[in-house]
């Protein structure tokens, strides 16, 4: 079982990327995230998970958060684990996200970027 996960707050200007998990994966809104593999740094896992998507893990774990600005014109490519994505204002992202840790990460990045809610 993994004990370390990364979460990536992806921004596009004043907007935040949120992903909707497929119904088979409990159908909730979250940030791009995934587990850290053995021998991998949290930063390497974050880069990999931005490309590959999210793998759920259960139990208590350490979560490192990263922020990344989307390049101009970039849009995420959904995998079978996700059915939708949205670029949201801070307020809308906070309303959609299902769990406290992602909301906390969005608030922190919003403060750093001086984005108002």
Protein backbone atom coordinates (compact mmCIF):
# COMPACT_ATOMS: atom_id res chain seq x y z
CA UNK A 1 0.00 0.00 0.00
CA UNK A 2 1.28 3.46 -0.87
CA UNK A 3 1.90 5.85 1.97
CA UNK A 4 2.87 8.92 -0.04
CA UNK A 5 0.81 10.81 -2.60
CA UNK A 6 1.17 13.98 -4.64
CA UNK A 7 -1.54 16.46 -5.57
CA UNK A 8 -1.07 19.01 -8.36
CA UNK A 9 -2.89 22.34 -8.42
CA UNK A 10 -2.95 23.25 -12.13
CA UNK A 11 -3.78 26.87 -12.93
CA UNK A 12 -4.63 28.74 -16.10
CA UNK A 13 -4.58 32.42 -15.21
CA UNK A 14 -7.10 32.75 -12.36
CA UNK A 15 -8.68 29.33 -13.05
CA UNK A 16 -8.06 25.95 -11.45
CA UNK A 17 -8.27 22.54 -13.13
CA UNK A 18 -10.61 20.04 -11.46
CA UNK A 19 -11.32 16.50 -12.68
CA UNK A 20 -14.46 14.38 -12.26
CA UNK A 21 -13.78 10.75 -11.42
CA UNK A 22 -15.82 8.18 -13.36
CA UNK A 23 -18.82 6.61 -11.57
CA UNK A 24 -16.80 3.38 -11.21
CA UNK A 25 -14.27 5.42 -9.22
CA UNK A 26 -16.86 7.02 -6.92
CA UNK A 27 -17.62 10.01 -9.20
CA UNK A 28 -16.22 12.94 -7.22
CA UNK A 29 -14.34 16.10 -8.21
CA UNK A 30 -10.64 16.25 -7.35
CA UNK A 31 -7.28 17.66 -8.42
CA UNK A 32 -4.76 15.76 -10.53
CA UNK A 33 -3.02 13.42 -8.09
CA UNK A 34 -1.32 10.07 -7.71
CA UNK A 35 0.96 7.89 -5.65
CA UNK A 36 4.73 8.14 -5.32
CA UNK A 37 6.46 4.97 -6.52
CA UNK A 38 9.45 3.39 -4.77
CA UNK A 39 12.64 5.20 -5.80
CA UNK A 40 10.74 8.22 -7.12
CA UNK A 41 10.73 11.74 -5.69
CA UNK A 42 7.47 13.58 -5.06
CA UNK A 43 8.35 16.03 -7.87
CA UNK A 44 8.92 13.14 -10.31
CA UNK A 45 5.60 11.59 -9.30
CA UNK A 46 3.82 14.92 -9.82
CA UNK A 47 5.27 15.24 -13.33
CA UNK A 48 4.29 11.65 -14.17
CA UNK A 49 0.78 12.04 -12.79
CA UNK A 50 0.17 15.17 -14.83
CA UNK A 51 0.71 12.95 -17.88
CA UNK A 52 -0.93 9.70 -16.78
CA UNK A 53 -3.83 10.58 -14.49
CA UNK A 54 -4.72 9.55 -10.97
CA UNK A 55 -4.57 6.25 -9.14
CA UNK A 56 -6.61 6.04 -5.95
CA UNK A 57 -5.08 4.91 -2.70
CA UNK A 58 -6.65 4.32 0.68
CA UNK A 59 -5.51 4.67 4.26
CA UNK A 60 -3.35 7.26 5.96
CA UNK A 61 -0.68 8.84 3.83
CA UNK A 62 1.58 11.82 3.37
CA UNK A 63 0.41 14.23 0.65
CA UNK A 64 2.73 16.73 -1.02
CA UNK A 65 1.13 19.47 -3.11
CA UNK A 66 2.62 21.12 -6.18
CA UNK A 67 1.42 24.03 -8.30
CA UNK A 68 1.82 24.15 -12.07
CA UNK A 69 0.74 26.73 -14.60
CA UNK A 70 -0.82 25.30 -17.76
CA UNK A 71 0.94 26.33 -20.99
CA UNK A 72 -1.11 28.49 -23.38
CA UNK A 73 -3.66 26.39 -25.25
CA UNK A 74 -3.09 23.27 -23.12
CA UNK A 75 -6.09 21.13 -22.20
CA UNK A 76 -5.96 17.87 -20.23
CA UNK A 77 -6.55 14.55 -21.98
CA UNK A 78 -8.98 12.44 -19.96
CA UNK A 79 -8.32 8.77 -19.31
CA UNK A 80 -10.83 6.03 -18.43
CA UNK A 81 -10.75 7.11 -14.78
CA UNK A 82 -12.24 10.54 -15.54
CA UNK A 83 -15.39 11.69 -17.33
CA UNK A 84 -15.05 15.47 -17.28
CA UNK A 85 -12.76 18.35 -16.44
CA UNK A 86 -13.42 22.01 -15.75
CA UNK A 87 -11.40 25.17 -15.45
CA UNK A 88 -12.97 26.91 -12.43
CA UNK A 89 -12.74 30.09 -10.44
CA UNK A 90 -11.37 29.69 -6.94
CA UNK A 91 -14.88 29.73 -5.45
CA UNK A 92 -16.25 27.16 -7.93
CA UNK A 93 -13.26 24.86 -7.41
CA UNK A 94 -13.72 25.03 -3.64
CA UNK A 95 -17.43 24.24 -4.05
CA UNK A 96 -16.81 21.27 -6.38
CA UNK A 97 -13.87 19.57 -4.65
CA UNK A 98 -15.01 16.69 -2.47
CA UNK A 99 -12.26 16.68 0.18
CA UNK A 100 -10.51 19.12 2.50
CA UNK A 101 -6.90 18.51 1.38
CA UNK A 102 -7.51 19.61 -2.23
CA UNK A 103 -9.53 22.63 -1.05
CA UNK A 104 -6.67 23.59 1.26
CA UNK A 105 -4.18 23.32 -1.62
CA UNK A 106 -6.37 25.50 -3.89
CA UNK A 107 -6.73 28.14 -1.17
CA UNK A 108 -2.97 28.22 -0.66
CA UNK A 109 -2.22 28.59 -4.37
CA UNK A 110 -4.97 31.21 -4.74
CA UNK A 111 -3.36 33.24 -1.95
CA UNK A 112 0.06 32.89 -3.57
CA UNK A 113 -1.32 33.98 -6.93
CA UNK A 114 -3.42 36.70 -5.30
CA UNK A 115 -6.57 35.30 -6.89
CA UNK A 116 -9.68 36.48 -5.07
CA UNK A 117 -12.55 34.17 -4.19
